[in-house]
Amino acid sequence: MSRASALRGSHNAMKKDITERPETVAVGSNVLAGTDPEKILECTGAMIEKANAWVNPFGDGTTGERIVTILSDRIRCYYSFMTDFLVFILAPHNENVWY
């Protein structure tokens, strides 16, 4: 839930003392309220009033696109190299010319 609230841009007051996602607490999208009813109310009220001006700690959501771009560029480069290499190897050569 803590990761999802940070991704959605919503606030979250967690009823626990520790979290597996401390980065969400660090940016302010989540707060650890614990199990004390008064502290839960206090933290919930603070999160309702809080603006969601944090930066998503899990990236900008375009990692997949960047990976595809990098892989396609590398594949394109590899095929271009292999094509040039094969053309060179398979082309007739003059035996008196050093390459």
N, C-alpha and C. Protein backbone atom coordinates (compact mmCIF):
# COMPACT_ATOMS: atom_id res chain seq x y z
N MET A 1 0.81 -1.19 0.00
CA MET A 1 0.00 0.00 0.00
C MET A 1 0.86 1.26 0.00
N SER A 2 1.98 1.23 0.71
CA SER A 2 2.82 2.42 0.78
C SER A 2 3.41 2.77 -0.58
N ARG A 3 3.82 1.77 -1.33
CA ARG A 3 4.37 2.03 -2.67
C ARG A 3 3.27 2.52 -3.60
N ALA A 4 2.11 1.89 -3.53
CA ALA A 4 1.00 2.27 -4.41
C ALA A 4 0.56 3.70 -4.16
N SER A 5 0.51 4.12 -2.90
CA SER A 5 0.08 5.49 -2.62
C SER A 5 1.09 6.49 -3.16
N ALA A 6 2.37 6.18 -3.10
CA ALA A 6 3.38 7.08 -3.65
C ALA A 6 3.26 7.16 -5.17
N LEU A 7 2.98 6.04 -5.81
CA LEU A 7 2.84 6.02 -7.26
C LEU A 7 1.59 6.76 -7.73
N ARG A 8 0.49 6.62 -6.96
CA ARG A 8 -0.78 7.27 -7.34
C ARG A 8 -0.81 8.74 -6.97
N GLY A 9 0.10 9.18 -6.11
CA GLY A 9 0.08 10.57 -5.67
C GLY A 9 -0.89 10.81 -4.54
N SER A 10 -1.24 9.75 -3.81
CA SER A 10 -2.16 9.91 -2.68
C SER A 10 -1.39 9.76 -1.37
N HIS A 11 -2.01 10.17 -0.29
CA HIS A 11 -1.39 10.12 1.02
C HIS A 11 -1.76 8.82 1.74
N ASN A 12 -0.92 8.44 2.70
CA ASN A 12 -1.17 7.20 3.41
C ASN A 12 -0.63 7.32 4.83
N ALA A 13 -1.48 7.07 5.82
CA ALA A 13 -1.05 6.97 7.21
C ALA A 13 -1.07 5.49 7.57
N MET A 14 0.10 4.91 7.74
CA MET A 14 0.20 3.47 7.97
C MET A 14 0.08 3.15 9.44
N LYS A 15 -0.74 2.15 9.75
CA LYS A 15 -0.92 1.72 11.14
C LYS A 15 0.14 0.71 11.52
N LYS A 16 1.39 1.12 11.45
CA LYS A 16 2.49 0.27 11.87
C LYS A 16 3.69 1.16 12.22
N ASP A 17 4.68 0.55 12.86
CA ASP A 17 5.84 1.30 13.33
C ASP A 17 7.03 1.21 12.40
N ILE A 18 7.03 0.22 11.50
CA ILE A 18 8.11 0.06 10.54
C ILE A 18 7.51 -0.15 9.15
N THR A 19 8.31 0.07 8.13
CA THR A 19 7.83 -0.13 6.76
C THR A 19 8.94 -0.74 5.92
N GLU A 20 8.54 -1.51 4.93
CA GLU A 20 9.50 -2.06 3.98
C GLU A 20 9.81 -1.06 2.87
N ARG A 21 9.12 0.07 2.90
CA ARG A 21 9.31 1.13 1.90
C ARG A 21 9.67 2.46 2.58
N PRO A 22 10.84 2.56 3.21
CA PRO A 22 11.19 3.80 3.91
C PRO A 22 11.31 5.01 2.98
N GLU A 23 11.53 4.76 1.70
CA GLU A 23 11.63 5.88 0.76
C GLU A 23 10.32 6.65 0.65
N THR A 24 9.19 5.97 0.85
CA THR A 24 7.90 6.66 0.79
C THR A 24 7.71 7.57 1.99
N VAL A 25 8.25 7.19 3.13
CA VAL A 25 8.20 8.04 4.32
C VAL A 25 9.15 9.21 4.13
N ALA A 26 10.31 8.96 3.56
CA ALA A 26 11.31 10.00 3.35
C ALA A 26 10.80 11.12 2.44
N VAL A 27 10.03 10.77 1.40
CA VAL A 27 9.52 11.82 0.49
C VAL A 27 8.23 12.44 0.99
N GLY A 28 7.61 11.83 2.01
CA GLY A 28 6.41 12.42 2.59
C GLY A 28 5.09 11.91 2.09
N SER A 29 5.09 10.87 1.28
CA SER A 29 3.81 10.33 0.81
C SER A 29 3.17 9.41 1.84
N ASN A 30 3.95 8.93 2.78
CA ASN A 30 3.46 8.04 3.83
C ASN A 30 3.99 8.49 5.18
N VAL A 31 3.24 8.18 6.21
CA VAL A 31 3.69 8.44 7.58
C VAL A 31 3.39 7.21 8.42
N LEU A 32 4.32 6.90 9.33
CA LEU A 32 4.13 5.75 10.22
C LEU A 32 3.36 6.23 11.44
N ALA A 33 2.11 5.80 11.56
CA ALA A 33 1.26 6.24 12.66
C ALA A 33 1.33 5.33 13.87
N GLY A 34 1.81 4.13 13.71
CA GLY A 34 1.85 3.19 14.82
C GLY A 34 0.46 2.64 15.12
N THR A 35 0.26 2.18 16.37
CA THR A 35 -1.02 1.58 16.74
C THR A 35 -1.79 2.37 17.78
N ASP A 36 -1.23 3.48 18.23
CA ASP A 36 -1.92 4.34 19.20
C ASP A 36 -3.05 5.09 18.49
N PRO A 37 -4.31 4.93 18.93
CA PRO A 37 -5.45 5.56 18.26
C PRO A 37 -5.30 7.09 18.11
N GLU A 38 -4.80 7.75 19.13
CA GLU A 38 -4.65 9.21 19.03
C GLU A 38 -3.61 9.60 17.99
N LYS A 39 -2.50 8.86 17.95
CA LYS A 39 -1.48 9.16 16.95
C LYS A 39 -1.98 8.85 15.54
N ILE A 40 -2.78 7.81 15.40
CA ILE A 40 -3.36 7.49 14.08
C ILE A 40 -4.22 8.64 13.61
N LEU A 41 -5.08 9.16 14.51
CA LEU A 41 -5.93 10.31 14.15
C LEU A 41 -5.09 11.53 13.80
N GLU A 42 -4.05 11.78 14.60
CA GLU A 42 -3.17 12.93 14.36
C GLU A 42 -2.47 12.82 12.99
N CYS A 43 -1.92 11.66 12.71
CA CYS A 43 -1.21 11.45 11.44
C CYS A 43 -2.17 11.48 10.25
N THR A 44 -3.35 10.92 10.43
CA THR A 44 -4.34 10.94 9.36
C THR A 44 -4.75 12.36 9.04
N GLY A 45 -5.00 13.16 10.08
CA GLY A 45 -5.35 14.56 9.86
C GLY A 45 -4.24 15.33 9.18
N ALA A 46 -2.99 15.06 9.57
CA ALA A 46 -1.86 15.73 8.94
C ALA A 46 -1.73 15.35 7.47
N MET A 47 -1.97 14.08 7.15
CA MET A 47 -1.86 13.64 5.76
C MET A 47 -3.00 14.19 4.90
N ILE A 48 -4.19 14.38 5.50
CA ILE A 48 -5.31 14.96 4.74
C ILE A 48 -5.00 16.40 4.35
N GLU A 49 -4.37 17.12 5.25
CA GLU A 49 -4.05 18.53 5.01
C GLU A 49 -2.82 18.73 4.13
N LYS A 50 -2.01 17.71 3.99
CA LYS A 50 -0.73 17.81 3.29
C LYS A 50 -0.90 17.83 1.77
N ALA A 51 -0.15 18.72 1.13
CA ALA A 51 -0.15 18.75 -0.34
C ALA A 51 0.72 17.60 -0.85
N ASN A 52 0.36 17.05 -1.97
CA ASN A 52 1.16 15.94 -2.53
C ASN A 52 2.20 16.49 -3.50
N ALA A 53 3.19 17.14 -2.93
CA ALA A 53 4.24 17.77 -3.75
C ALA A 53 5.53 16.96 -3.75
N TRP A 54 5.45 15.67 -3.45
CA TRP A 54 6.67 14.87 -3.42
C TRP A 54 7.03 14.36 -4.81
N VAL A 55 8.29 14.04 -4.95
CA VAL A 55 8.78 13.41 -6.18
C VAL A 55 8.68 11.91 -5.99
N ASN A 56 8.14 11.22 -6.98
CA ASN A 56 7.98 9.78 -6.90
C ASN A 56 9.34 9.12 -6.67
N PRO A 57 9.51 8.42 -5.56
CA PRO A 57 10.81 7.80 -5.27
C PRO A 57 11.11 6.57 -6.12
N PHE A 58 10.15 6.13 -6.92
CA PHE A 58 10.33 4.92 -7.73
C PHE A 58 10.56 5.22 -9.20
N GLY A 59 10.86 6.46 -9.53
CA GLY A 59 11.15 6.82 -10.91
C GLY A 59 10.00 7.55 -11.57
N ASP A 60 10.17 7.82 -12.85
CA ASP A 60 9.20 8.63 -13.58
C ASP A 60 8.21 7.81 -14.41
N GLY A 61 8.28 6.48 -14.33
CA GLY A 61 7.34 5.64 -15.04
C GLY A 61 7.71 5.36 -16.49
N THR A 62 8.88 5.78 -16.93
CA THR A 62 9.27 5.57 -18.32
C THR A 62 10.47 4.62 -18.46
N THR A 63 10.75 3.85 -17.43
CA THR A 63 11.90 2.95 -17.46
C THR A 63 11.78 1.92 -18.58
N GLY A 64 10.61 1.34 -18.75
CA GLY A 64 10.40 0.36 -19.81
C GLY A 64 10.68 0.92 -21.18
N GLU A 65 10.21 2.13 -21.43
CA GLU A 65 10.45 2.77 -22.72
C GLU A 65 11.94 3.01 -22.95
N ARG A 66 12.64 3.44 -21.90
CA ARG A 66 14.08 3.68 -22.03
C ARG A 66 14.83 2.38 -22.29
N ILE A 67 14.42 1.30 -21.64
CA ILE A 67 15.07 0.00 -21.86
C ILE A 67 14.87 -0.45 -23.30
N VAL A 68 13.66 -0.33 -23.82
CA VAL A 68 13.37 -0.73 -25.20
C VAL A 68 14.20 0.11 -26.17
N THR A 69 14.32 1.40 -25.92
CA THR A 69 15.11 2.27 -26.80
C THR A 69 16.58 1.85 -26.80
N ILE A 70 17.13 1.59 -25.62
CA ILE A 70 18.54 1.19 -25.53
C ILE A 70 18.76 -0.14 -26.24
N LEU A 71 17.89 -1.12 -25.99
CA LEU A 71 18.05 -2.43 -26.63
C LEU A 71 17.89 -2.36 -28.14
N SER A 72 16.91 -1.60 -28.61
CA SER A 72 16.71 -1.51 -30.06
C SER A 72 17.88 -0.80 -30.72
N ASP A 73 18.45 0.23 -30.06
CA ASP A 73 19.63 0.90 -30.61
C ASP A 73 20.82 -0.05 -30.69
N ARG A 74 21.00 -0.85 -29.64
CA ARG A 74 22.12 -1.80 -29.63
C ARG A 74 21.93 -2.88 -30.69
N ILE A 75 20.70 -3.37 -30.83
CA ILE A 75 20.43 -4.40 -31.84
C ILE A 75 20.65 -3.83 -33.24
N ARG A 76 20.15 -2.60 -33.46
CA ARG A 76 20.33 -1.95 -34.76
C ARG A 76 21.81 -1.77 -35.07
N CYS A 77 22.59 -1.36 -34.09
CA CYS A 77 24.03 -1.18 -34.26
C CYS A 77 24.70 -2.52 -34.57
N TYR A 78 24.31 -3.57 -33.85
CA TYR A 78 24.88 -4.90 -34.08
C TYR A 78 24.58 -5.37 -35.50
N TYR A 79 23.34 -5.25 -35.94
CA TYR A 79 22.98 -5.71 -37.28
C TYR A 79 23.67 -4.87 -38.35
N SER A 80 23.83 -3.59 -38.10
CA SER A 80 24.55 -2.74 -39.05
C SER A 80 26.00 -3.19 -39.16
N PHE A 81 26.63 -3.46 -38.02
CA PHE A 81 28.01 -3.94 -38.03
C PHE A 81 28.12 -5.27 -38.76
N MET A 82 27.23 -6.20 -38.44
CA MET A 82 27.29 -7.53 -39.05
C MET A 82 27.05 -7.45 -40.56
N THR A 83 26.15 -6.59 -40.98
CA THR A 83 25.89 -6.43 -42.41
C THR A 83 27.13 -5.91 -43.12
N ASP A 84 27.75 -4.87 -42.54
CA ASP A 84 28.97 -4.32 -43.14
C ASP A 84 30.08 -5.37 -43.16
N PHE A 85 30.20 -6.11 -42.08
CA PHE A 85 31.23 -7.14 -41.97
C PHE A 85 31.02 -8.22 -43.04
N LEU A 86 29.80 -8.70 -43.17
CA LEU A 86 29.52 -9.75 -44.15
C LEU A 86 29.72 -9.26 -45.58
N VAL A 87 29.33 -8.03 -45.85
CA VAL A 87 29.54 -7.48 -47.19
C VAL A 87 31.04 -7.43 -47.49
N PHE A 88 31.82 -7.02 -46.50
CA PHE A 88 33.27 -6.96 -46.68
C PHE A 88 33.85 -8.35 -46.90
N ILE A 89 33.46 -9.30 -46.08
CA ILE A 89 34.00 -10.66 -46.16
C ILE A 89 33.60 -11.36 -47.45
N LEU A 90 32.35 -11.17 -47.85
CA LEU A 90 31.84 -11.90 -49.01
C LEU A 90 32.13 -11.21 -50.34
N ALA A 91 32.53 -9.95 -50.29
CA ALA A 91 32.81 -9.22 -51.53
C ALA A 91 34.11 -9.73 -52.15
N PRO A 92 34.17 -9.72 -53.48
CA PRO A 92 35.42 -10.14 -54.12
C PRO A 92 36.52 -9.11 -53.80
N HIS A 93 37.72 -9.59 -53.52
CA HIS A 93 38.82 -8.70 -53.16
C HIS A 93 39.94 -8.83 -54.17
N ASN A 94 40.61 -7.73 -54.35
CA ASN A 94 41.81 -7.72 -55.15
C ASN A 94 42.94 -8.20 -54.25
N GLU A 95 43.64 -9.24 -54.62
CA GLU A 95 44.66 -9.82 -53.77
C GLU A 95 45.85 -8.89 -53.57
N ASN A 96 46.01 -7.89 -54.43
CA ASN A 96 47.15 -6.97 -54.31
C ASN A 96 46.84 -5.78 -53.40
N VAL A 97 45.63 -5.70 -52.86
CA VAL A 97 45.25 -4.56 -52.01
C VAL A 97 45.20 -5.01 -50.57
N TRP A 98 45.84 -4.25 -49.68
CA TRP A 98 45.81 -4.52 -48.25
C TRP A 98 44.71 -3.69 -47.62
N TYR A 99 43.92 -4.28 -46.81
CA TYR A 99 42.82 -3.56 -46.16
C TYR A 99 43.18 -3.23 -44.77
